[in-house]
């Protein structure tokens, strides 16, 4: 099971449309489906979702998260903590033989390609 957040600055270049195009190019062997602000990559029984999530809870969770990540400057943390949106990547499907770990890493690399997006691991707060 994999999970990542893309914390967004107000000036981010991230869009679902751009993410969809990049993911289709980077992972041509996976099926790619879209439903509004969510993308789902899949192969057989395995899937990985990416969604743009918004709401007041995002701001609160980001505020707590950035305080635990080494290497983030105070100014940057404050800007990120004001945002009420973020990108979430996840799957609940186990991958015991790590057959899809490279797919997950490619998704994270796509996230990191956007200006104004900070990719983090929410489980073990740290930069990806």
C-alpha atoms as a PDB file:
ATOM      1  CA  UNK A   1       0.000   0.000   0.000  1.00  0.00           C
ATOM      2  CA  UNK A   2       1.319   3.368  -1.013  1.00  0.00           C
ATOM      3  CA  UNK A   3       0.430   6.921   0.015  1.00  0.00           C
ATOM      4  CA  UNK A   4       1.753  10.398  -0.794  1.00  0.00           C
ATOM      5  CA  UNK A   5       0.569  13.988  -0.528  1.00  0.00           C
ATOM      6  CA  UNK A   6       1.336  16.868  -2.841  1.00  0.00           C
ATOM      7  CA  UNK A   7       1.157  20.027  -0.745  1.00  0.00           C
ATOM      8  CA  UNK A   8       0.193  22.955  -2.944  1.00  0.00           C
ATOM      9  CA  UNK A   9       1.283  26.571  -2.941  1.00  0.00           C
ATOM     10  CA  UNK A  10      -1.188  29.138  -4.308  1.00  0.00           C
ATOM     11  CA  UNK A  11       1.028  29.611  -7.386  1.00  0.00           C
ATOM     12  CA  UNK A  12       1.256  25.909  -8.253  1.00  0.00           C
ATOM     13  CA  UNK A  13       1.277  24.767 -11.861  1.00  0.00           C
ATOM     14  CA  UNK A  14      -0.515  21.524 -10.900  1.00  0.00           C
ATOM     15  CA  UNK A  15      -3.787  20.729 -12.660  1.00  0.00           C
ATOM     16  CA  UNK A  16      -5.638  17.446 -13.006  1.00  0.00           C
ATOM     17  CA  UNK A  17      -5.507  17.832 -16.801  1.00  0.00           C
ATOM     18  CA  UNK A  18      -1.726  18.231 -16.794  1.00  0.00           C
ATOM     19  CA  UNK A  19      -1.307  15.322 -14.361  1.00  0.00           C
ATOM     20  CA  UNK A  20      -3.479  13.125 -16.552  1.00  0.00           C
ATOM     21  CA  UNK A  21      -1.408  13.911 -19.639  1.00  0.00           C
ATOM     22  CA  UNK A  22       1.900  13.289 -17.871  1.00  0.00           C
ATOM     23  CA  UNK A  23       0.734  10.068 -16.232  1.00  0.00           C
ATOM     24  CA  UNK A  24      -0.551   8.726 -19.554  1.00  0.00           C
ATOM     25  CA  UNK A  25       2.864   9.419 -21.080  1.00  0.00           C
ATOM     26  CA  UNK A  26       4.889   8.026 -18.142  1.00  0.00           C
ATOM     27  CA  UNK A  27       2.769   4.906 -17.533  1.00  0.00           C
ATOM     28  CA  UNK A  28       1.416   3.766 -20.903  1.00  0.00           C
ATOM     29  CA  UNK A  29       1.025   0.164 -19.689  1.00  0.00           C
ATOM     30  CA  UNK A  30      -1.587   1.137 -17.092  1.00  0.00           C
ATOM     31  CA  UNK A  31      -5.238   1.925 -17.708  1.00  0.00           C
ATOM     32  CA  UNK A  32      -6.056   5.531 -16.780  1.00  0.00           C
ATOM     33  CA  UNK A  33      -9.581   6.575 -15.832  1.00  0.00           C
ATOM     34  CA  UNK A  34     -10.803   9.996 -14.774  1.00  0.00           C
ATOM     35  CA  UNK A  35     -13.751  11.124 -12.681  1.00  0.00           C
ATOM     36  CA  UNK A  36     -13.820  14.922 -12.148  1.00  0.00           C
ATOM     37  CA  UNK A  37     -10.834  15.630  -9.848  1.00  0.00           C
ATOM     38  CA  UNK A  38      -9.670  12.023  -9.496  1.00  0.00           C
ATOM     39  CA  UNK A  39      -7.493   9.810 -11.678  1.00  0.00           C
ATOM     40  CA  UNK A  40      -7.190   6.053 -11.248  1.00  0.00           C
ATOM     41  CA  UNK A  41      -4.328   4.064 -12.736  1.00  0.00           C
ATOM     42  CA  UNK A  42      -4.896   0.326 -12.836  1.00  0.00           C
ATOM     43  CA  UNK A  43      -3.554  -2.973 -14.017  1.00  0.00           C
ATOM     44  CA  UNK A  44      -5.540  -6.095 -13.268  1.00  0.00           C
ATOM     45  CA  UNK A  45      -6.643  -6.036  -9.628  1.00  0.00           C
ATOM     46  CA  UNK A  46      -4.103  -3.367  -8.659  1.00  0.00           C
ATOM     47  CA  UNK A  47      -4.950   0.351  -8.724  1.00  0.00           C
ATOM     48  CA  UNK A  48      -3.481   3.681  -7.606  1.00  0.00           C
ATOM     49  CA  UNK A  49      -5.613   6.808  -7.268  1.00  0.00           C
ATOM     50  CA  UNK A  50      -4.651  10.478  -7.445  1.00  0.00           C
ATOM     51  CA  UNK A  51      -7.130  13.151  -6.370  1.00  0.00           C
ATOM     52  CA  UNK A  52      -7.246  16.887  -5.832  1.00  0.00           C
ATOM     53  CA  UNK A  53      -8.753  17.292  -2.358  1.00  0.00           C
ATOM     54  CA  UNK A  54     -10.096  20.564  -0.974  1.00  0.00           C
ATOM     55  CA  UNK A  55     -11.565  21.725   2.316  1.00  0.00           C
ATOM     56  CA  UNK A  56     -10.798  23.306   5.659  1.00  0.00           C
ATOM     57  CA  UNK A  57      -9.532  19.970   7.003  1.00  0.00           C
ATOM     58  CA  UNK A  58      -6.685  20.100   4.460  1.00  0.00           C
ATOM     59  CA  UNK A  59      -5.408  23.347   5.946  1.00  0.00           C
ATOM     60  CA  UNK A  60      -5.476  21.928   9.492  1.00  0.00           C
ATOM     61  CA  UNK A  61      -3.758  18.677   8.513  1.00  0.00           C
ATOM     62  CA  UNK A  62      -1.115  20.477   6.453  1.00  0.00           C
ATOM     63  CA  UNK A  63      -0.352  22.808   9.332  1.00  0.00           C
ATOM     64  CA  UNK A  64       0.368  19.818  11.581  1.00  0.00           C
ATOM     65  CA  UNK A  65       2.291  17.952   8.901  1.00  0.00           C
ATOM     66  CA  UNK A  66       4.729  20.675   7.834  1.00  0.00           C
ATOM     67  CA  UNK A  67       5.803  21.170  11.430  1.00  0.00           C
ATOM     68  CA  UNK A  68       7.263  17.639  11.409  1.00  0.00           C
ATOM     69  CA  UNK A  69       9.123  17.743   8.095  1.00  0.00           C
ATOM     70  CA  UNK A  70      12.812  18.570   8.227  1.00  0.00           C
ATOM     71  CA  UNK A  71      14.161  20.912   5.606  1.00  0.00           C
ATOM     72  CA  UNK A  72      11.120  23.122   5.108  1.00  0.00           C
ATOM     73  CA  UNK A  73      11.797  26.789   5.767  1.00  0.00           C
ATOM     74  CA  UNK A  74       9.376  28.578   8.088  1.00  0.00           C
ATOM     75  CA  UNK A  75       8.174  30.902   5.293  1.00  0.00           C
ATOM     76  CA  UNK A  76       7.456  27.936   3.018  1.00  0.00           C
ATOM     77  CA  UNK A  77       5.645  26.072   5.810  1.00  0.00           C
ATOM     78  CA  UNK A  78       3.408  29.076   6.438  1.00  0.00           C
ATOM     79  CA  UNK A  79       2.465  29.380   2.756  1.00  0.00           C
ATOM     80  CA  UNK A  80       1.702  25.657   2.465  1.00  0.00           C
ATOM     81  CA  UNK A  81      -0.326  25.669   5.694  1.00  0.00           C
ATOM     82  CA  UNK A  82      -2.647  28.360   4.312  1.00  0.00           C
ATOM     83  CA  UNK A  83      -3.721  26.204   1.376  1.00  0.00           C
ATOM     84  CA  UNK A  84      -7.073  24.439   1.527  1.00  0.00           C
ATOM     85  CA  UNK A  85      -6.154  21.999  -1.257  1.00  0.00           C
ATOM     86  CA  UNK A  86      -3.652  19.223  -1.848  1.00  0.00           C
ATOM     87  CA  UNK A  87      -3.073  16.236  -4.075  1.00  0.00           C
ATOM     88  CA  UNK A  88      -3.443  12.793  -2.525  1.00  0.00           C
ATOM     89  CA  UNK A  89      -2.069   9.571  -3.996  1.00  0.00           C
ATOM     90  CA  UNK A  90      -3.059   6.230  -2.510  1.00  0.00           C
ATOM     91  CA  UNK A  91      -3.902   2.597  -2.925  1.00  0.00           C
ATOM     92  CA  UNK A  92      -5.358   0.127  -0.448  1.00  0.00           C
ATOM     93  CA  UNK A  93      -4.184  -2.851  -2.487  1.00  0.00           C
ATOM     94  CA  UNK A  94      -1.163  -4.623  -0.968  1.00  0.00           C
ATOM     95  CA  UNK A  95       1.882  -4.998  -3.210  1.00  0.00           C
ATOM     96  CA  UNK A  96       3.865  -7.688  -1.318  1.00  0.00           C
ATOM     97  CA  UNK A  97       6.316  -8.351  -4.149  1.00  0.00           C
ATOM     98  CA  UNK A  98       6.658  -4.637  -4.988  1.00  0.00           C
ATOM     99  CA  UNK A  99       5.539  -5.256  -8.558  1.00  0.00           C
ATOM    100  CA  UNK A 100       4.021  -1.766  -8.719  1.00  0.00           C
ATOM    101  CA  UNK A 101       6.548   0.172  -6.643  1.00  0.00           C
ATOM    102  CA  UNK A 102       8.112   1.675  -9.783  1.00  0.00           C
ATOM    103  CA  UNK A 103       4.647   2.786 -10.918  1.00  0.00           C
ATOM    104  CA  UNK A 104       4.168   4.550  -7.588  1.00  0.00           C
ATOM    105  CA  UNK A 105       7.586   6.208  -7.896  1.00  0.00           C
ATOM    106  CA  UNK A 106       6.720   7.448 -11.395  1.00  0.00           C
ATOM    107  CA  UNK A 107       3.520   9.003 -10.053  1.00  0.00           C
ATOM    108  CA  UNK A 108       5.532  10.756  -7.327  1.00  0.00           C
ATOM    109  CA  UNK A 109       8.000  11.991  -9.971  1.00  0.00           C
ATOM    110  CA  UNK A 110       5.107  13.416 -11.981  1.00  0.00           C
ATOM    111  CA  UNK A 111       3.915  15.252  -8.853  1.00  0.00           C
ATOM    112  CA  UNK A 112       7.392  16.628  -8.240  1.00  0.00           C
ATOM    113  CA  UNK A 113       7.544  17.984 -11.786  1.00  0.00           C
ATOM    114  CA  UNK A 114       4.960  20.666 -10.973  1.00  0.00           C
ATOM    115  CA  UNK A 115       6.147  24.010  -9.658  1.00  0.00           C
ATOM    116  CA  UNK A 116       4.556  24.929  -6.344  1.00  0.00           C
ATOM    117  CA  UNK A 117       3.978  21.318  -5.275  1.00  0.00           C
ATOM    118  CA  UNK A 118       5.871  19.692  -2.412  1.00  0.00           C
ATOM    119  CA  UNK A 119       5.635  15.869  -2.424  1.00  0.00           C
ATOM    120  CA  UNK A 120       5.626  14.374   1.072  1.00  0.00           C
ATOM    121  CA  UNK A 121       5.100  11.057   2.801  1.00  0.00           C
ATOM    122  CA  UNK A 122       2.262  11.604   5.296  1.00  0.00           C
ATOM    123  CA  UNK A 123       2.986   8.400   7.253  1.00  0.00           C
ATOM    124  CA  UNK A 124       6.607   9.162   8.033  1.00  0.00           C
ATOM    125  CA  UNK A 125       6.563  12.921   7.586  1.00  0.00           C
ATOM    126  CA  UNK A 126       9.302  13.643   5.115  1.00  0.00           C
ATOM    127  CA  UNK A 127       9.986  14.907   1.627  1.00  0.00           C
ATOM    128  CA  UNK A 128       9.722  12.472  -1.264  1.00  0.00           C
END
